[in-house]
Amino acid sequence: MPMTASSDSALPAVKRSPMSYQTLLVLYLAVVLLPWVLSYFEGLAIRGWYEELVSFLSIIGLSMMLFQFALNARVDALAGRAGVDNTMRVHTKFGEYLGYLILLHPFLIVLPRFIVAPSFALDDVWDLFIQPETSTGMYAWSLMLVWILMSVFKEKTGLSYEAWRYAHSAGFIAIIILATHHAVTIGRHGRYNAWFDVMWVLLCIMAVALVLYIYFIRPLAIAKKPFKVVDCHKGSANDWYLTIAKDGDFPFDFDAGQFTWLSTSKSVFARSEHPFSIASSPSALPQISYVIRELGDYTSQLGKLKPGQRIWLDGPHGVFTQNARNAKGIVLLAGGAGIGPIMSILRELGDRCDSRPVRLIYGNRMIEQMMFLEEFDALQSKLDLQLHLVLEQPPKNFEGHKGFIDTQVISQAIDHPEHGCWDFYICGPPIMVKAVVKNLQKLSISNDRILYEQLGF
């Protein structure tokens, strides 16, 4: 039986509530639309609806482009408030919309020509590429197509993760410089009010500066807080269990459920870092542990890490935590290596001997992929913990649930009169997370009680 403690004493210290995805979305849209709103303060004549529509799409397209990297730059003022997982979610989604806008832009410009004088329309399209005042825009457009295709099909390009990131950032810098030059050269608004062009130039400088910050400034801060490998061994048939420790005297803390970027490169400036969720409790510091599923070239080489080897850490990041939550119970749902941050939260609950109901639903393909089974037994002596194992390919005499984390196993786990006041933490591959969220919604679980983190951006 768990140790007794009052509900109030068992709750974690309330920290600042993270910005929700919806709040970040509204803030992003407000910032992106601001240049368009400012354009109406110039006093220019309002033209026909089609010209105004093209102008609107052109302005917000460039605005989205210039603010796109701000969502991916790990600037602590934003990422620490909204969470890298949320900023990357907006970055990815609006990157798709941006691609559509850029693709349509030149065709929207020449569309009236196809209607009025179709025999000259193709010549007009060619002129967009060869005329000095429009050529930089078309170069940016062409590069943007390549950039988008590389993003969509990055797993099929054959490039390593590090090479793809270099190409992605270099392409981004070239595109925004060309696009900004195009805007200030041919844009209508800057012809009459120089401050509008100055705004685009300053936003372009800011975007380039963010890239330079990530590649050259932030690594200097990371170098002042080195870590070293303590141990790396197979925790299951497919997962590594990596433990590192601080290699020096410097402040470092994290909240259970967060993740960090790790780099095993010799140079802190090498862009070979990878995101991994922390599996240990904050009480385990100065050591930090991770569950890392072997999925590619990098993770398959983790067994070659040697004790004492230098490792670089960027973080912590993420809002998949208990901060500012008021749940009367907690349901933890993990798929595969998603047990990492789930285990971090569970261990922290165990450290506090939390008295609230805790339910763990842990799914994998095979029993050989399961981790921490003995530790779960030990935690049941500290917590009101119920364990529900789920296997797609269970062995004989398996007493858990066969198949996937569906509404049946979730219903069994939350058979409690107050489950509507519980928090649900989900972590696993994207397809698993989406399926579990839908299953929770089918069970009438409120969206504001569902927190999730997908393995991979």
Protein backbone atom coordinates (compact mmCIF):
# COMPACT_ATOMS: atom_id res chain seq x y z
CA MET A 1 0.00 0.00 0.00
CA PRO A 2 1.23 3.54 -0.65
CA MET A 3 2.37 5.67 2.23
CA THR A 4 -0.31 8.03 3.46
CA ALA A 5 -0.04 11.71 2.75
CA SER A 6 -2.51 14.48 2.35
CA SER A 7 -3.48 15.40 -1.19
CA ASP A 8 -2.16 18.94 -0.75
CA SER A 9 1.26 17.83 0.48
CA ALA A 10 1.56 15.31 -2.33
CA LEU A 11 1.03 17.86 -5.07
CA PRO A 12 4.17 19.31 -6.68
CA ALA A 13 5.13 22.91 -6.10
CA VAL A 14 3.14 25.04 -8.50
CA LYS A 15 5.37 26.68 -11.09
CA ARG A 16 4.40 28.94 -13.97
CA SER A 17 1.80 27.35 -16.17
CA PRO A 18 3.14 26.71 -19.68
CA MET A 19 1.65 28.55 -22.62
CA SER A 20 -0.92 26.34 -24.32
CA TYR A 21 -0.72 25.43 -27.99
CA GLN A 22 -3.87 27.47 -28.65
CA THR A 23 -2.39 30.56 -26.97
CA LEU A 24 0.86 30.19 -28.93
CA LEU A 25 -1.17 29.82 -32.13
CA VAL A 26 -3.12 33.03 -31.49
CA LEU A 27 0.11 34.89 -30.63
CA TYR A 28 1.81 33.61 -33.78
CA LEU A 29 -1.10 34.64 -36.01
CA ALA A 30 -1.19 38.10 -34.42
CA VAL A 31 2.52 38.64 -35.08
CA VAL A 32 2.35 37.27 -38.63
CA LEU A 33 -0.64 39.48 -39.51
CA LEU A 34 0.88 42.63 -38.00
CA PRO A 35 2.78 43.75 -41.16
CA TRP A 36 -0.43 43.44 -43.18
CA VAL A 37 -2.32 45.52 -40.60
CA LEU A 38 0.45 48.14 -40.64
CA SER A 39 0.24 48.36 -44.43
CA TYR A 40 -3.18 49.99 -44.10
CA PHE A 41 -1.69 52.83 -42.05
CA GLU A 42 0.28 53.99 -45.11
CA GLY A 43 -2.77 55.67 -46.60
CA LEU A 44 -2.47 53.98 -49.99
CA ALA A 45 -5.55 53.73 -52.16
CA ILE A 46 -7.61 50.58 -51.82
CA ARG A 47 -7.57 48.67 -55.10
CA GLY A 48 -9.85 45.92 -56.44
CA TRP A 49 -10.55 42.84 -54.38
CA TYR A 50 -8.18 40.63 -56.37
CA GLU A 51 -5.23 43.03 -56.07
CA GLU A 52 -5.89 43.37 -52.33
CA LEU A 53 -6.08 39.58 -51.94
CA VAL A 54 -2.75 39.06 -53.72
CA SER A 55 -1.21 41.84 -51.63
CA PHE A 56 -2.54 40.24 -48.42
CA LEU A 57 -1.19 36.79 -49.33
CA SER A 58 2.17 38.25 -50.38
CA ILE A 59 2.65 40.18 -47.14
CA ILE A 60 1.64 37.37 -44.78
CA GLY A 61 3.68 34.89 -46.84
CA LEU A 62 6.87 36.88 -46.34
CA SER A 63 5.95 37.53 -42.73
CA MET A 64 5.45 33.80 -42.08
CA MET A 65 8.76 33.07 -43.76
CA LEU A 66 10.69 35.56 -41.64
CA PHE A 67 9.11 34.37 -38.38
CA GLN A 68 9.36 30.68 -39.25
CA PHE A 69 12.80 30.13 -37.78
CA ALA A 70 11.90 31.95 -34.57
CA LEU A 71 9.73 28.93 -33.78
CA ASN A 72 12.68 26.60 -34.25
CA ALA A 73 15.48 28.58 -32.69
CA ARG A 74 15.18 27.37 -29.11
CA VAL A 75 15.18 30.93 -27.84
CA ASP A 76 14.57 30.43 -24.14
CA ALA A 77 12.18 33.37 -23.87
CA LEU A 78 9.77 31.58 -26.22
CA ALA A 79 10.67 27.88 -26.06
CA GLY A 80 10.89 27.94 -22.28
CA ARG A 81 7.44 29.50 -22.06
CA ALA A 82 5.56 27.56 -24.74
CA GLY A 83 7.72 24.45 -25.01
CA VAL A 84 9.80 23.34 -27.98
CA ASP A 85 7.24 20.64 -28.74
CA ASN A 86 4.51 23.30 -29.15
CA THR A 87 6.69 25.72 -31.13
CA MET A 88 7.75 22.91 -33.47
CA ARG A 89 4.12 21.93 -33.90
CA VAL A 90 3.29 25.45 -35.12
CA HIS A 91 6.53 25.56 -37.15
CA THR A 92 5.66 22.35 -38.99
CA LYS A 93 1.98 23.09 -39.58
CA PHE A 94 2.44 26.64 -40.83
CA GLY A 95 5.49 25.57 -42.80
CA GLU A 96 3.03 23.56 -44.91
CA TYR A 97 0.73 26.58 -45.35
CA LEU A 98 3.74 28.72 -46.23
CA GLY A 99 4.69 26.23 -48.92
CA TYR A 100 1.27 26.55 -50.53
CA LEU A 101 1.44 30.35 -50.45
CA ILE A 102 4.89 30.47 -52.01
CA LEU A 103 3.95 27.93 -54.67
CA LEU A 104 0.87 29.94 -55.71
CA HIS A 105 2.47 33.39 -55.54
CA PRO A 106 3.81 33.81 -59.12
CA PHE A 107 0.72 32.19 -60.60
CA LEU A 108 -1.55 34.60 -58.72
CA ILE A 109 0.48 37.49 -60.12
CA VAL A 110 0.03 36.42 -63.76
CA LEU A 111 -3.45 34.88 -63.47
CA PRO A 112 -5.27 38.01 -64.75
CA ARG A 113 -3.00 37.91 -67.83
CA PHE A 114 -4.11 34.35 -68.58
CA ILE A 115 -7.71 35.57 -68.49
CA VAL A 116 -7.32 38.84 -70.42
CA ALA A 117 -4.53 37.97 -72.88
CA PRO A 118 -3.71 34.26 -72.66
CA SER A 119 -1.44 34.32 -75.73
CA PHE A 120 1.02 36.59 -73.87
CA ALA A 121 0.71 34.92 -70.46
CA LEU A 122 3.56 32.42 -70.81
CA ASP A 123 5.90 35.20 -71.90
CA ASP A 124 4.94 37.08 -68.76
CA VAL A 125 5.82 34.04 -66.62
CA TRP A 126 9.23 33.83 -68.29
CA ASP A 127 9.77 37.55 -67.73
CA LEU A 128 9.37 36.95 -63.99
CA PHE A 129 12.58 34.91 -64.09
CA ILE A 130 14.69 37.16 -66.30
CA GLN A 131 13.65 40.69 -65.33
CA PRO A 132 16.07 42.13 -62.71
CA GLU A 133 13.30 43.51 -60.50
CA THR A 134 11.54 40.12 -60.22
CA SER A 135 14.33 37.59 -60.70
CA THR A 136 15.38 37.43 -57.02
CA GLY A 137 11.80 36.60 -56.10
CA MET A 138 11.74 33.74 -58.60
CA TYR A 139 15.10 32.46 -57.38
CA ALA A 140 13.68 32.45 -53.85
CA TRP A 141 10.56 30.69 -55.16
CA SER A 142 12.64 27.98 -56.86
CA LEU A 143 14.80 27.45 -53.79
CA MET A 144 11.70 27.35 -51.63
CA LEU A 145 10.30 24.47 -53.67
CA VAL A 146 13.51 22.49 -53.14
CA TRP A 147 13.51 23.42 -49.43
CA ILE A 148 9.92 22.27 -48.96
CA LEU A 149 10.51 19.00 -50.79
CA MET A 150 13.57 18.33 -48.63
CA SER A 151 11.47 18.94 -45.51
CA VAL A 152 8.59 16.72 -46.63
CA PHE A 153 10.77 13.89 -47.89
CA LYS A 154 13.74 14.29 -45.52
CA GLU A 155 13.71 10.59 -44.62
CA LYS A 156 13.91 9.66 -48.32
CA THR A 157 16.67 12.06 -49.35
CA GLY A 158 19.45 9.78 -48.15
CA LEU A 159 21.01 12.67 -46.23
CA SER A 160 22.15 12.14 -42.69
CA TYR A 161 20.26 14.02 -39.99
CA GLU A 162 23.22 16.41 -39.56
CA ALA A 163 23.60 17.09 -43.31
CA TRP A 164 19.88 17.71 -43.65
CA ARG A 165 19.91 20.26 -40.82
CA TYR A 166 22.84 22.15 -42.39
CA ALA A 167 21.12 22.19 -45.79
CA HIS A 168 17.79 23.20 -44.22
CA SER A 169 19.31 26.20 -42.41
CA ALA A 170 21.55 27.32 -45.30
CA GLY A 171 18.62 27.13 -47.69
CA PHE A 172 16.48 29.11 -45.29
CA ILE A 173 19.02 31.96 -45.11
CA ALA A 174 19.32 32.14 -48.89
CA ILE A 175 15.55 32.14 -49.35
CA ILE A 176 14.74 34.90 -46.86
CA ILE A 177 17.51 37.17 -48.17
CA LEU A 178 16.33 36.75 -51.77
CA ALA A 179 12.66 37.11 -50.79
CA THR A 180 13.34 40.26 -48.75
CA HIS A 181 15.30 41.79 -51.62
CA HIS A 182 12.39 40.98 -53.92
CA ALA A 183 9.89 42.59 -51.54
CA VAL A 184 11.81 45.86 -51.09
CA THR A 185 12.60 46.05 -54.81
CA ILE A 186 9.17 45.48 -56.29
CA GLY A 187 6.83 45.91 -53.34
CA ARG A 188 4.23 48.66 -53.69
CA HIS A 189 4.18 49.73 -50.06
CA GLY A 190 7.86 50.55 -49.70
CA ARG A 191 7.80 52.82 -52.75
CA TYR A 192 5.72 55.37 -50.90
CA ASN A 193 6.84 54.75 -47.32
CA ALA A 194 10.45 53.76 -46.72
CA TRP A 195 9.70 52.53 -43.20
CA PHE A 196 7.82 49.56 -44.65
CA ASP A 197 10.95 48.37 -46.47
CA VAL A 198 13.02 49.06 -43.36
CA MET A 199 10.66 46.79 -41.42
CA TRP A 200 11.25 43.91 -43.87
CA VAL A 201 15.02 44.42 -43.76
CA LEU A 202 15.06 44.44 -39.95
CA LEU A 203 12.93 41.27 -39.80
CA CYS A 204 15.28 39.61 -42.28
CA ILE A 205 18.29 40.57 -40.16
CA MET A 206 16.52 39.19 -37.09
CA ALA A 207 15.82 35.86 -38.83
CA VAL A 208 19.42 35.50 -40.00
CA ALA A 209 20.65 36.48 -36.54
CA LEU A 210 18.58 33.67 -35.01
CA VAL A 211 20.26 31.15 -37.29
CA LEU A 212 23.68 32.50 -36.37
CA TYR A 213 22.71 32.41 -32.69
CA ILE A 214 21.85 28.71 -32.90
CA TYR A 215 25.01 27.79 -34.78
CA PHE A 216 27.60 29.99 -33.11
CA ILE A 217 26.38 31.73 -29.93
CA ARG A 218 24.31 29.10 -28.13
CA PRO A 219 27.06 26.44 -28.39
CA LEU A 220 29.37 28.72 -26.37
CA ALA A 221 26.91 28.59 -23.46
CA ILE A 222 26.52 24.81 -23.85
CA ALA A 223 30.31 24.38 -23.72
CA LYS A 224 30.37 25.90 -20.23
CA LYS A 225 28.15 23.07 -18.92
CA PRO A 226 29.69 19.80 -20.15
CA PHE A 227 28.43 16.34 -19.24
CA LYS A 228 30.09 12.94 -19.37
CA VAL A 229 28.90 9.40 -20.01
CA VAL A 230 28.41 7.24 -16.92
CA ASP A 231 26.96 4.12 -18.51
CA CYS A 232 25.13 2.96 -21.63
CA HIS A 233 23.61 -0.51 -21.84
CA LYS A 234 20.68 -2.28 -23.43
CA GLY A 235 17.60 -1.82 -21.28
CA SER A 236 15.50 -3.99 -23.57
CA ALA A 237 15.83 -5.77 -26.89
CA ASN A 238 15.44 -2.46 -28.76
CA ASP A 239 16.24 0.27 -26.24
CA TRP A 240 19.42 1.76 -24.82
CA TYR A 241 19.52 3.06 -21.28
CA LEU A 242 21.98 5.95 -21.22
CA THR A 243 23.14 7.65 -18.03
CA ILE A 244 25.22 10.83 -18.03
CA ALA A 245 26.40 13.16 -15.26
CA LYS A 246 27.55 16.74 -14.88
CA ASP A 247 31.26 17.13 -15.61
CA GLY A 248 31.86 20.17 -13.46
CA ASP A 249 30.31 22.40 -10.85
CA PHE A 250 27.50 24.37 -12.45
CA PRO A 251 23.76 24.78 -11.82
CA PHE A 252 21.41 22.45 -13.70
CA ASP A 253 17.86 21.37 -13.01
CA PHE A 254 14.89 20.02 -14.93
CA ASP A 255 11.26 19.08 -14.44
CA ALA A 256 10.14 15.47 -14.75
CA GLY A 257 8.89 14.89 -18.29
CA GLN A 258 11.24 17.28 -20.08
CA PHE A 259 13.75 16.42 -22.80
CA THR A 260 17.19 17.61 -23.91
CA TRP A 261 19.24 17.64 -27.08
CA LEU A 262 22.36 15.48 -26.81
CA SER A 263 25.51 15.58 -28.92
CA THR A 264 28.37 13.11 -28.68
CA SER A 265 30.52 15.05 -31.15
CA LYS A 266 33.98 16.19 -30.13
CA SER A 267 33.13 19.79 -31.00
CA VAL A 268 30.23 21.60 -29.40
CA PHE A 269 29.73 23.43 -32.72
CA ALA A 270 28.99 20.24 -34.65
CA ARG A 271 25.28 20.01 -35.57
CA SER A 272 24.93 16.36 -34.62
CA GLU A 273 22.56 16.73 -31.71
CA HIS A 274 19.45 14.63 -31.22
CA PRO A 275 16.41 15.12 -28.93
CA PHE A 276 15.87 12.54 -26.17
CA SER A 277 13.45 12.57 -23.24
CA ILE A 278 14.75 12.28 -19.70
CA ALA A 279 13.75 9.10 -17.87
CA SER A 280 15.19 9.87 -14.43
CA SER A 281 13.73 11.88 -11.59
CA PRO A 282 15.19 15.30 -10.72
CA SER A 283 16.26 13.75 -7.41
CA ALA A 284 18.79 11.61 -9.33
CA LEU A 285 20.88 14.68 -10.24
CA PRO A 286 23.76 15.15 -10.93
CA GLN A 287 23.02 12.05 -13.04
CA ILE A 288 20.46 12.01 -15.85
CA SER A 289 19.15 8.91 -17.60
CA TYR A 290 17.45 8.35 -20.97
CA VAL A 291 15.53 5.59 -22.75
CA ILE A 292 16.59 5.64 -26.41
CA ARG A 293 15.07 3.30 -28.97
CA GLU A 294 17.47 1.97 -31.59
CA LEU A 295 15.97 3.25 -34.84
CA GLY A 296 18.74 4.61 -37.06
CA ASP A 297 22.45 5.01 -37.71
CA TYR A 298 23.05 7.27 -34.72
CA THR A 299 21.13 5.31 -32.10
CA SER A 300 22.59 2.00 -33.29
CA GLN A 301 26.05 3.33 -32.36
CA LEU A 302 25.23 4.31 -28.78
CA GLY A 303 26.77 1.10 -27.46
CA LYS A 304 30.18 2.47 -28.46
CA LEU A 305 29.97 5.27 -25.89
CA LYS A 306 32.65 4.98 -23.22
CA PRO A 307 32.38 5.98 -19.54
CA GLY A 308 33.90 9.41 -19.07
CA GLN A 309 33.33 10.45 -22.70
CA ARG A 310 32.37 14.10 -23.11
CA ILE A 311 28.75 14.77 -24.11
CA TRP A 312 27.04 18.09 -24.82
CA LEU A 313 23.56 18.85 -23.53
CA ASP A 314 21.15 21.57 -24.68
CA GLY A 315 18.16 21.94 -22.43
CA PRO A 316 16.04 21.11 -20.65
CA HIS A 317 13.08 21.76 -22.94
CA GLY A 318 9.41 20.87 -23.08
CA VAL A 319 6.21 21.44 -21.11
CA PHE A 320 5.22 17.78 -20.69
CA THR A 321 5.33 18.24 -16.92
CA GLN A 322 3.18 18.47 -13.82
CA ASN A 323 3.80 22.20 -13.45
CA ALA A 324 0.71 24.17 -12.43
CA ARG A 325 -1.54 21.10 -12.72
CA ASN A 326 -4.31 20.37 -10.20
CA ALA A 327 -5.26 16.78 -11.04
CA LYS A 328 -6.78 14.47 -8.44
CA GLY A 329 -5.27 11.50 -10.23
CA ILE A 330 -2.76 10.74 -12.98
CA VAL A 331 -2.92 8.35 -15.93
CA LEU A 332 0.37 7.70 -17.73
CA LEU A 333 0.15 6.16 -21.20
CA ALA A 334 3.41 5.08 -22.85
CA GLY A 335 4.17 3.44 -26.16
CA GLY A 336 7.64 2.01 -26.83
CA ALA A 337 10.44 4.43 -25.93
CA GLY A 338 7.73 6.83 -24.76
CA ILE A 339 8.22 5.17 -21.38
CA GLY A 340 11.19 7.55 -20.91
CA PRO A 341 9.45 10.79 -19.87
CA ILE A 342 6.58 8.76 -18.39
CA MET A 343 9.11 7.02 -16.15
CA SER A 344 10.57 10.38 -15.14
CA ILE A 345 7.14 11.54 -13.96
CA LEU A 346 6.41 8.22 -12.27
CA ARG A 347 9.73 8.24 -10.42
CA GLU A 348 9.13 11.78 -9.23
CA LEU A 349 5.71 10.74 -7.92
CA GLY A 350 7.40 7.85 -6.13
CA ASP A 351 10.01 10.15 -4.59
CA ARG A 352 7.19 12.18 -3.04
CA CYS A 353 5.12 9.11 -2.09
CA ASP A 354 2.24 10.83 -3.86
CA SER A 355 -1.12 9.71 -2.47
CA ARG A 356 -3.21 10.29 -5.58
CA PRO A 357 -4.39 7.43 -7.83
CA VAL A 358 -1.76 6.69 -10.50
CA ARG A 359 -2.47 4.43 -13.48
CA LEU A 360 0.23 3.31 -15.91
CA ILE A 361 -0.73 1.89 -19.32
CA TYR A 362 2.42 0.70 -21.08
CA GLY A 363 2.34 -0.74 -24.59
CA ASN A 364 4.90 -2.45 -26.79
CA ARG A 365 5.03 -4.95 -29.60
CA MET A 366 6.76 -7.75 -27.64
CA ILE A 367 7.52 -8.52 -24.00
CA GLU A 368 11.26 -8.32 -24.77
CA GLN A 369 10.83 -4.60 -25.41
CA MET A 370 9.39 -3.89 -21.97
CA MET A 371 11.54 -2.02 -19.45
CA PHE A 372 11.37 -1.29 -15.71
CA LEU A 373 9.02 -4.19 -14.84
CA GLU A 374 10.74 -4.84 -11.52
CA GLU A 375 10.84 -1.14 -10.69
CA PHE A 376 7.09 -0.92 -11.28
CA ASP A 377 6.62 -3.55 -8.55
CA ALA A 378 8.75 -1.49 -6.16
CA LEU A 379 6.84 1.70 -6.94
CA GLN A 380 3.55 0.01 -6.08
CA SER A 381 4.72 -0.06 -2.47
CA LYS A 382 5.00 3.75 -2.51
CA LEU A 383 2.07 4.72 -4.72
CA ASP A 384 -1.55 3.91 -5.38
CA LEU A 385 -0.26 2.53 -8.69
CA GLN A 386 -2.07 0.16 -11.02
CA LEU A 387 -0.13 -1.27 -13.96
CA HIS A 388 -1.74 -2.23 -17.28
CA LEU A 389 0.61 -3.86 -19.79
CA VAL A 390 -0.38 -3.98 -23.47
CA LEU A 391 1.35 -6.16 -26.08
CA GLU A 392 0.69 -6.48 -29.76
CA GLN A 393 2.39 -9.89 -29.88
CA PRO A 394 2.07 -11.30 -26.35
CA PRO A 395 3.66 -14.55 -25.19
CA LYS A 396 1.64 -17.46 -23.88
CA ASN A 397 0.06 -16.97 -20.45
CA PHE A 398 0.30 -13.18 -20.77
CA GLU A 399 -2.15 -11.64 -18.30
CA GLY A 400 -2.23 -8.13 -19.75
CA HIS A 401 -4.13 -6.64 -22.66
CA LYS A 402 -3.54 -7.94 -26.18
CA GLY A 403 -3.47 -5.48 -29.07
CA PHE A 404 -3.17 -1.72 -28.71
CA ILE A 405 -3.99 0.95 -26.13
CA ASP A 406 -7.70 1.10 -26.93
CA THR A 407 -10.80 2.32 -25.14
CA GLN A 408 -11.23 -1.05 -23.41
CA VAL A 409 -7.94 -0.99 -21.51
CA ILE A 410 -8.26 2.74 -20.80
CA SER A 411 -11.77 2.24 -19.39
CA GLN A 412 -10.47 -0.48 -17.07
CA ALA A 413 -7.67 1.77 -15.85
CA ILE A 414 -9.88 4.79 -15.11
CA ASP A 415 -12.71 2.95 -13.38
CA HIS A 416 -12.90 5.60 -10.68
CA PRO A 417 -15.66 8.12 -9.82
CA GLU A 418 -13.29 11.10 -10.06
CA HIS A 419 -11.44 10.21 -13.26
CA GLY A 420 -12.86 13.34 -14.91
CA CYS A 421 -10.50 15.33 -12.67
CA TRP A 422 -7.44 13.25 -13.61
CA ASP A 423 -4.63 14.28 -15.96
CA PHE A 424 -3.68 12.02 -18.88
CA TYR A 425 -0.05 12.03 -20.03
CA ILE A 426 0.67 10.33 -23.38
CA CYS A 427 4.06 9.71 -24.95
CA GLY A 428 5.05 7.52 -27.87
CA PRO A 429 5.33 7.48 -31.67
CA PRO A 430 3.08 10.02 -33.46
CA ILE A 431 0.63 7.40 -34.76
CA MET A 432 0.22 5.96 -31.26
CA VAL A 433 -0.28 9.37 -29.67
CA LYS A 434 -2.95 10.39 -32.18
CA ALA A 435 -4.80 7.10 -31.70
CA VAL A 436 -4.75 7.35 -27.90
CA VAL A 437 -5.94 10.98 -27.96
CA LYS A 438 -8.91 9.91 -30.11
CA ASN A 439 -9.67 7.05 -27.72
CA LEU A 440 -9.64 9.41 -24.74
CA GLN A 441 -11.97 11.77 -26.55
CA LYS A 442 -14.33 8.87 -27.24
CA LEU A 443 -14.39 8.33 -23.47
CA SER A 444 -15.38 12.00 -22.98
CA ILE A 445 -12.05 13.02 -21.45
CA SER A 446 -11.71 16.80 -21.63
CA ASN A 447 -8.97 18.08 -23.95
CA ASP A 448 -7.56 20.29 -21.21
CA ARG A 449 -6.85 17.11 -19.21
CA ILE A 450 -4.82 15.55 -22.04
CA LEU A 451 -1.09 16.27 -22.30
CA TYR A 452 1.06 14.54 -24.88
CA GLU A 453 4.52 14.44 -26.37
CA GLN A 454 5.36 12.74 -29.65
CA LEU A 455 8.69 11.02 -30.19
CA GLY A 456 10.02 13.05 -33.08
CA PHE A 457 9.20 16.48 -34.48
